[in-house]
C-alpha atoms as a PDB file:
ATOM      1  CA  UNK A   1      -0.082  -0.125  -0.054  1.00  0.00           C
ATOM      2  CA  UNK A   2       1.515   3.199  -0.935  1.00  0.00           C
ATOM      3  CA  UNK A   3       1.338   6.223   1.304  1.00  0.00           C
ATOM      4  CA  UNK A   4      -0.685   9.096   0.695  1.00  0.00           C
ATOM      5  CA  UNK A   5       0.183  12.921   1.365  1.00  0.00           C
ATOM      6  CA  UNK A   6      -2.076  14.499   4.150  1.00  0.00           C
ATOM      7  CA  UNK A   7      -4.703  17.175   3.250  1.00  0.00           C
ATOM      8  CA  UNK A   8      -3.046  19.630   5.476  1.00  0.00           C
ATOM      9  CA  UNK A   9       0.573  20.333   4.550  1.00  0.00           C
ATOM     10  CA  UNK A  10       3.408  21.462   7.045  1.00  0.00           C
ATOM     11  CA  UNK A  11       3.242  25.379   7.553  1.00  0.00           C
ATOM     12  CA  UNK A  12       6.554  27.705   7.393  1.00  0.00           C
ATOM     13  CA  UNK A  13       5.307  30.235   9.613  1.00  0.00           C
ATOM     14  CA  UNK A  14       2.470  30.047  12.316  1.00  0.00           C
ATOM     15  CA  UNK A  15       1.340  32.441  15.312  1.00  0.00           C
ATOM     16  CA  UNK A  16       0.069  30.424  18.017  1.00  0.00           C
ATOM     17  CA  UNK A  17      -2.152  33.521  19.080  1.00  0.00           C
ATOM     18  CA  UNK A  18      -3.819  33.588  15.651  1.00  0.00           C
ATOM     19  CA  UNK A  19      -7.291  32.383  15.481  1.00  0.00           C
ATOM     20  CA  UNK A  20      -6.650  30.757  11.797  1.00  0.00           C
ATOM     21  CA  UNK A  21      -3.365  29.570  12.432  1.00  0.00           C
ATOM     22  CA  UNK A  22      -4.343  27.824  15.739  1.00  0.00           C
ATOM     23  CA  UNK A  23      -7.409  26.458  13.930  1.00  0.00           C
ATOM     24  CA  UNK A  24      -5.423  24.585  11.429  1.00  0.00           C
ATOM     25  CA  UNK A  25      -2.509  23.516  13.517  1.00  0.00           C
ATOM     26  CA  UNK A  26      -5.199  21.727  15.469  1.00  0.00           C
ATOM     27  CA  UNK A  27      -6.673  20.204  12.637  1.00  0.00           C
ATOM     28  CA  UNK A  28      -3.215  18.974  11.539  1.00  0.00           C
ATOM     29  CA  UNK A  29      -2.627  17.288  14.711  1.00  0.00           C
ATOM     30  CA  UNK A  30      -5.992  15.403  14.452  1.00  0.00           C
ATOM     31  CA  UNK A  31      -4.895  14.193  10.894  1.00  0.00           C
ATOM     32  CA  UNK A  32      -1.258  13.088  11.794  1.00  0.00           C
ATOM     33  CA  UNK A  33      -3.090  11.187  14.777  1.00  0.00           C
ATOM     34  CA  UNK A  34      -5.599   9.623  12.342  1.00  0.00           C
ATOM     35  CA  UNK A  35      -2.713   9.065   9.830  1.00  0.00           C
ATOM     36  CA  UNK A  36      -0.642   6.978  12.737  1.00  0.00           C
ATOM     37  CA  UNK A  37      -4.005   5.039  13.371  1.00  0.00           C
ATOM     38  CA  UNK A  38      -4.011   4.037   9.800  1.00  0.00           C
ATOM     39  CA  UNK A  39      -6.690   6.177   8.319  1.00  0.00           C
ATOM     40  CA  UNK A  40      -6.306   7.294   4.629  1.00  0.00           C
ATOM     41  CA  UNK A  41      -6.605  10.906   3.486  1.00  0.00           C
ATOM     42  CA  UNK A  42      -9.340  11.608   1.139  1.00  0.00           C
ATOM     43  CA  UNK A  43     -10.685   8.136   1.782  1.00  0.00           C
ATOM     44  CA  UNK A  44     -11.504   7.647   5.297  1.00  0.00           C
ATOM     45  CA  UNK A  45     -11.893  11.484   6.068  1.00  0.00           C
ATOM     46  CA  UNK A  46     -11.882  14.802   4.190  1.00  0.00           C
ATOM     47  CA  UNK A  47     -11.188  18.462   5.011  1.00  0.00           C
ATOM     48  CA  UNK A  48     -14.689  19.025   6.915  1.00  0.00           C
ATOM     49  CA  UNK A  49     -14.050  16.047   9.066  1.00  0.00           C
ATOM     50  CA  UNK A  50     -11.006  17.540  10.355  1.00  0.00           C
ATOM     51  CA  UNK A  51     -12.328  21.094  10.905  1.00  0.00           C
ATOM     52  CA  UNK A  52     -15.432  19.689  12.708  1.00  0.00           C
ATOM     53  CA  UNK A  53     -12.933  17.764  14.877  1.00  0.00           C
ATOM     54  CA  UNK A  54     -10.743  20.844  15.691  1.00  0.00           C
ATOM     55  CA  UNK A  55     -13.553  23.204  16.064  1.00  0.00           C
ATOM     56  CA  UNK A  56     -14.750  22.189  20.130  1.00  0.00           C
ATOM     57  CA  UNK A  57     -10.704  22.293  20.977  1.00  0.00           C
ATOM     58  CA  UNK A  58     -10.161  25.870  19.288  1.00  0.00           C
ATOM     59  CA  UNK A  59     -13.542  27.041  20.720  1.00  0.00           C
ATOM     60  CA  UNK A  60     -12.733  26.108  24.227  1.00  0.00           C
ATOM     61  CA  UNK A  61      -9.578  28.210  24.163  1.00  0.00           C
ATOM     62  CA  UNK A  62     -11.729  31.302  22.922  1.00  0.00           C
ATOM     63  CA  UNK A  63     -13.944  30.740  25.998  1.00  0.00           C
ATOM     64  CA  UNK A  64     -11.108  30.247  28.130  1.00  0.00           C
ATOM     65  CA  UNK A  65      -9.689  33.475  27.052  1.00  0.00           C
ATOM     66  CA  UNK A  66      -6.282  32.102  25.823  1.00  0.00           C
ATOM     67  CA  UNK A  67      -7.223  32.682  22.116  1.00  0.00           C
ATOM     68  CA  UNK A  68      -8.879  35.765  20.554  1.00  0.00           C
ATOM     69  CA  UNK A  69     -11.332  35.704  17.406  1.00  0.00           C
END
């Protein structure tokens, strides 16, 4: 079985205090975990799945005041 590239590629620069960067980093970490568990990008999950899984974590940071919109 050939390895498939992840949907979310690596970032050159990120700002942990930026909402969008933080959201994409969480989604990327979720994707990495899924791939390590054997999920195949584009087959077992899509971008929307990653966004839906990342949303609660990022919104929790907003609610706690550690991340601004």
